[in-house]
Amino acid sequence: MSIPVLYCIGISPWSEKARWALDFHGVSYEKVEYQVLAMAPLLKFKARKKRKFTDKLTVPLMIDGDEIYTDSFDIARYAERQGGSEQLFPEQDIQRIQRLDSLSERLLNLLRAEVFDRTKGNHQAKVERLSFVSEKWRERAVPVLDYMVNFLEKKYPVPAEESASSLLQEIRAELKGRPYVLDDFSYADITLAQPLQFVSPLGGPYYRLGEAQIKTMEDVELAREFSDLIEWRDALYEKHRL
């Protein structure tokens, strides 16, 4: 019997949401590192062979037999069913968790745009991002990465009226200084922790990032303003991330 396949990007907070839920429930899966330009046509072909797939292709994406799960939230719900538990998604809190996941997504999209902007001016970060390419070819592959960044910027525009600081204040208000958003650890914590990767990035053992990549993902001012949220995120990882 084949195990499900998760197409993901190792340094992506969106992929981390899915992987954390799967790992929390001990769900076995094959992880495939997705390369946007090289793998998109093949993955689109595979996905469209599955039933009811009409969505725009994004990752993380999980294929399990004839079933396909096309975003972090759906993959986490799949993990919960496989684990036979309601810990990450208590039934009485589903609507609240969905609302908080939407908050997380809005903030991630906003902060990602800032990461793209900083990456464009950091040559070494581009070289580090090309770690999947043979070392002798990385410099020559930088223009391809430039094209990919420009492509993703157009694919994921952000509303001008959004403010990262105000959205982080909303997360602070949800926590109220507690260790968890709900009574116990849940997907609400997983999803709200992820935007902080674009404020004060975690490295090993959770993410494999070069020094220049880390610089493109740092927002020193926000990290100082929301140091309490960074401490909360770090404590979550230390206690609950396998």
Protein backbone atom coordinates (compact mmCIF):
# COMPACT_ATOMS: atom_id res chain seq x y z
CA MET A 1 0.00 0.00 0.00
CA SER A 2 1.47 3.33 -1.06
CA ILE A 3 1.82 6.19 1.40
CA PRO A 4 0.55 9.70 0.65
CA VAL A 5 2.89 12.12 -1.10
CA LEU A 6 3.32 15.67 0.18
CA TYR A 7 4.67 18.21 -2.30
CA CYS A 8 6.08 21.05 -0.27
CA ILE A 9 8.80 23.69 0.04
CA GLY A 10 11.08 23.09 2.99
CA ILE A 11 11.54 26.75 3.93
CA SER A 12 7.87 27.68 3.44
CA PRO A 13 5.68 28.44 6.49
CA TRP A 14 2.68 27.21 4.50
CA SER A 15 4.34 23.83 4.08
CA GLU A 16 5.34 23.86 7.74
CA LYS A 17 1.68 24.15 8.77
CA ALA A 18 0.92 20.93 6.92
CA ARG A 19 4.03 19.05 8.00
CA TRP A 20 3.57 19.97 11.66
CA ALA A 21 0.00 18.61 11.69
CA LEU A 22 1.05 15.41 9.90
CA ASP A 23 4.03 14.90 12.20
CA PHE A 24 1.97 15.66 15.31
CA HIS A 25 -0.37 12.79 14.44
CA GLY A 26 2.43 10.48 13.32
CA VAL A 27 1.08 10.23 9.77
CA SER A 28 3.55 8.58 7.38
CA TYR A 29 4.10 10.42 4.10
CA GLU A 30 6.65 10.86 1.36
CA LYS A 31 7.98 14.41 1.22
CA VAL A 32 8.85 15.78 -2.22
CA GLU A 33 10.63 19.13 -2.38
CA TYR A 34 8.76 21.22 -4.93
CA GLN A 35 10.72 23.35 -7.40
CA VAL A 36 8.32 25.89 -8.88
CA LEU A 37 9.54 26.18 -12.46
CA ALA A 38 10.89 22.66 -12.93
CA MET A 39 8.04 20.67 -11.41
CA ALA A 40 4.88 22.71 -12.06
CA PRO A 41 3.85 21.05 -15.37
CA LEU A 42 4.28 17.51 -14.01
CA LEU A 43 2.46 18.25 -10.77
CA LYS A 44 -0.40 19.92 -12.63
CA PHE A 45 -0.68 16.81 -14.77
CA LYS A 46 -0.73 14.52 -11.75
CA ALA A 47 -3.21 16.71 -9.89
CA ARG A 48 -5.64 17.00 -12.77
CA LYS A 49 -5.82 13.24 -13.09
CA LYS A 50 -7.36 13.21 -9.61
CA ARG A 51 -11.04 13.67 -9.02
CA LYS A 52 -12.56 17.14 -8.62
CA PHE A 53 -9.28 19.04 -8.96
CA THR A 54 -9.95 22.41 -10.58
CA ASP A 55 -7.96 24.68 -8.24
CA LYS A 56 -4.99 26.81 -9.15
CA LEU A 57 -1.86 24.83 -8.36
CA THR A 58 -0.16 25.78 -5.08
CA VAL A 59 1.86 23.89 -2.49
CA PRO A 60 1.70 22.26 -0.06
CA LEU A 61 -0.32 19.71 -1.96
CA MET A 62 -0.93 16.13 -0.85
CA ILE A 63 -2.01 13.19 -2.99
CA ASP A 64 -3.32 10.08 -1.27
CA GLY A 65 -4.60 7.55 -3.78
CA ASP A 66 -7.52 9.21 -5.58
CA GLU A 67 -7.77 12.00 -3.02
CA ILE A 68 -6.05 15.36 -3.31
CA TYR A 69 -5.63 18.03 -0.64
CA THR A 70 -4.69 21.43 -1.93
CA ASP A 71 -3.77 23.64 1.01
CA SER A 72 -2.31 23.54 4.51
CA PHE A 73 -5.67 23.66 6.27
CA ASP A 74 -7.13 20.72 4.33
CA ILE A 75 -3.96 18.68 4.83
CA ALA A 76 -4.06 19.37 8.57
CA ARG A 77 -7.71 18.26 8.68
CA TYR A 78 -6.68 15.11 6.81
CA ALA A 79 -3.97 14.49 9.42
CA GLU A 80 -6.54 14.89 12.19
CA ARG A 81 -8.79 12.25 10.62
CA GLN A 82 -5.88 9.88 10.17
CA GLY A 83 -4.90 10.39 13.79
CA GLY A 84 -8.44 9.73 15.02
CA SER A 85 -8.31 12.80 17.24
CA GLU A 86 -9.92 16.18 17.74
CA GLN A 87 -6.99 17.79 19.55
CA LEU A 88 -5.88 20.11 16.75
CA PHE A 89 -9.45 20.90 15.66
CA PRO A 90 -11.85 20.71 18.61
CA GLU A 91 -15.33 20.59 17.11
CA GLN A 92 -16.64 23.54 19.10
CA ASP A 93 -13.74 25.73 17.91
CA ILE A 94 -13.68 24.94 14.17
CA GLN A 95 -15.08 28.29 13.06
CA ARG A 96 -12.66 30.21 15.25
CA ILE A 97 -9.71 28.19 13.93
CA GLN A 98 -10.82 28.89 10.36
CA ARG A 99 -10.97 32.60 11.13
CA LEU A 100 -7.52 32.54 12.70
CA ASP A 101 -6.13 30.60 9.75
CA SER A 102 -7.44 33.36 7.48
CA LEU A 103 -5.64 35.92 9.67
CA SER A 104 -2.45 33.87 9.38
CA GLU A 105 -2.76 33.67 5.60
CA ARG A 106 -3.28 37.41 5.21
CA LEU A 107 -0.23 38.16 7.35
CA LEU A 108 1.93 35.57 5.61
CA ASN A 109 1.05 36.99 2.19
CA LEU A 110 1.91 40.50 3.37
CA LEU A 111 5.23 39.52 4.93
CA ARG A 112 6.20 37.29 1.99
CA ALA A 113 6.05 40.32 -0.28
CA GLU A 114 8.62 41.99 1.95
CA VAL A 115 10.84 38.89 1.80
CA PHE A 116 10.64 38.93 -2.00
CA ASP A 117 11.64 42.60 -2.02
CA ARG A 118 14.67 42.01 0.21
CA THR A 119 15.68 38.90 -1.74
CA LYS A 120 15.85 40.81 -5.03
CA GLY A 121 18.71 42.90 -3.66
CA ASN A 122 20.63 40.09 -1.95
CA HIS A 123 22.69 38.04 -4.37
CA GLN A 124 24.04 35.64 -1.74
CA ALA A 125 20.53 34.81 -0.54
CA LYS A 126 19.63 33.83 -4.10
CA VAL A 127 22.66 31.55 -4.31
CA GLU A 128 21.73 29.94 -0.98
CA ARG A 129 18.17 29.40 -2.16
CA LEU A 130 19.60 27.43 -5.12
CA SER A 131 21.10 24.76 -2.84
CA PHE A 132 19.27 22.07 -4.85
CA VAL A 133 21.39 23.05 -7.90
CA SER A 134 24.94 21.72 -8.36
CA GLU A 135 27.33 24.23 -6.81
CA LYS A 136 29.14 24.95 -10.06
CA TRP A 137 25.87 25.99 -11.72
CA ARG A 138 24.34 28.12 -8.96
CA GLU A 139 25.70 31.47 -10.15
CA ARG A 140 24.42 30.81 -13.65
CA ALA A 141 21.02 29.84 -12.26
CA VAL A 142 20.50 33.14 -10.40
CA PRO A 143 18.64 34.78 -13.35
CA VAL A 144 16.19 31.86 -13.25
CA LEU A 145 15.58 32.57 -9.56
CA ASP A 146 15.06 36.25 -10.37
CA TYR A 147 12.40 35.23 -12.87
CA MET A 148 10.78 32.96 -10.27
CA VAL A 149 10.63 35.76 -7.67
CA ASN A 150 9.05 38.13 -10.18
CA PHE A 151 6.58 35.42 -11.18
CA LEU A 152 5.58 34.77 -7.56
CA GLU A 153 5.21 38.47 -6.81
CA LYS A 154 2.65 38.73 -9.61
CA LYS A 155 0.95 35.49 -8.58
CA TYR A 156 0.53 36.59 -4.95
CA PRO A 157 -0.28 40.34 -4.85
CA VAL A 158 -1.13 41.86 -1.47
CA PRO A 159 -3.69 44.55 -0.62
CA ALA A 160 -2.05 47.91 0.00
CA GLU A 161 -4.24 48.71 3.01
CA GLU A 162 -3.03 45.73 5.11
CA SER A 163 -0.58 46.40 7.96
CA ALA A 164 1.70 43.70 9.35
CA SER A 165 1.85 45.45 12.73
CA SER A 166 -1.94 45.59 13.09
CA LEU A 167 -2.33 41.92 12.13
CA LEU A 168 0.34 40.91 14.65
CA GLN A 169 -1.57 42.92 17.25
CA GLU A 170 -4.61 40.79 16.44
CA ILE A 171 -2.58 37.65 17.16
CA ARG A 172 -1.43 39.16 20.45
CA ALA A 173 -5.05 39.90 21.36
CA GLU A 174 -6.05 36.29 20.61
CA LEU A 175 -3.35 34.95 22.92
CA LYS A 176 -3.84 37.36 25.83
CA GLY A 177 -0.50 36.24 27.23
CA ARG A 178 -1.53 32.58 27.46
CA PRO A 179 0.57 29.64 26.24
CA TYR A 180 -2.17 28.56 23.80
CA VAL A 181 -4.95 30.26 21.87
CA LEU A 182 -7.47 27.64 23.03
CA ASP A 183 -7.40 25.65 26.26
CA ASP A 184 -4.74 23.32 24.86
CA PHE A 185 -2.34 23.12 21.91
CA SER A 186 -4.24 23.18 18.61
CA TYR A 187 -4.00 24.09 14.95
CA ALA A 188 -4.79 27.66 16.00
CA ASP A 189 -1.31 27.79 17.54
CA ILE A 190 0.35 26.16 14.53
CA THR A 191 -1.19 28.56 12.04
CA LEU A 192 -0.66 31.75 14.06
CA ALA A 193 2.98 30.87 14.76
CA GLN A 194 3.93 30.67 11.08
CA PRO A 195 3.95 34.36 10.07
CA LEU A 196 6.62 34.92 12.71
CA GLN A 197 9.03 33.01 10.46
CA PHE A 198 9.04 36.16 8.32
CA VAL A 199 9.75 38.33 11.35
CA SER A 200 12.36 36.38 13.32
CA PRO A 201 13.18 33.20 11.39
CA LEU A 202 13.91 29.87 13.04
CA GLY A 203 16.85 27.96 11.64
CA GLY A 204 17.98 24.44 12.38
CA PRO A 205 16.70 21.96 13.28
CA TYR A 206 13.37 23.24 11.95
CA TYR A 207 14.47 25.05 8.78
CA ARG A 208 17.60 24.81 6.66
CA LEU A 209 18.50 28.44 5.96
CA GLY A 210 21.71 30.16 4.96
CA GLU A 211 22.85 33.33 6.73
CA ALA A 212 21.87 35.55 3.82
CA GLN A 213 18.46 33.90 3.54
CA ILE A 214 17.88 34.60 7.22
CA LYS A 215 18.62 38.29 6.61
CA THR A 216 15.94 38.48 3.91
CA MET A 217 13.39 36.96 6.33
CA GLU A 218 14.15 39.22 9.29
CA ASP A 219 12.14 42.29 10.24
CA VAL A 220 14.11 43.72 13.14
CA GLU A 221 11.58 46.40 14.05
CA LEU A 222 8.63 44.00 14.13
CA ALA A 223 10.70 41.45 16.06
CA ARG A 224 11.43 44.07 18.70
CA GLU A 225 7.82 45.26 18.88
CA PHE A 226 6.45 41.72 19.12
CA SER A 227 9.18 39.99 21.10
CA ASP A 228 6.47 38.41 23.28
CA LEU A 229 5.06 36.62 20.22
CA ILE A 230 8.53 35.44 19.21
CA GLU A 231 9.02 33.97 22.69
CA TRP A 232 5.60 32.31 22.49
CA ARG A 233 6.45 30.79 19.09
CA ASP A 234 9.81 29.52 20.32
CA ALA A 235 8.20 27.87 23.35
CA LEU A 236 5.62 26.16 21.10
CA TYR A 237 8.35 24.69 18.94
CA GLU A 238 10.39 23.53 21.88
CA LYS A 239 7.42 21.76 23.46
CA HIS A 240 5.34 20.54 20.52
CA ARG A 241 7.44 20.27 17.35
CA LEU A 242 8.93 16.82 16.82
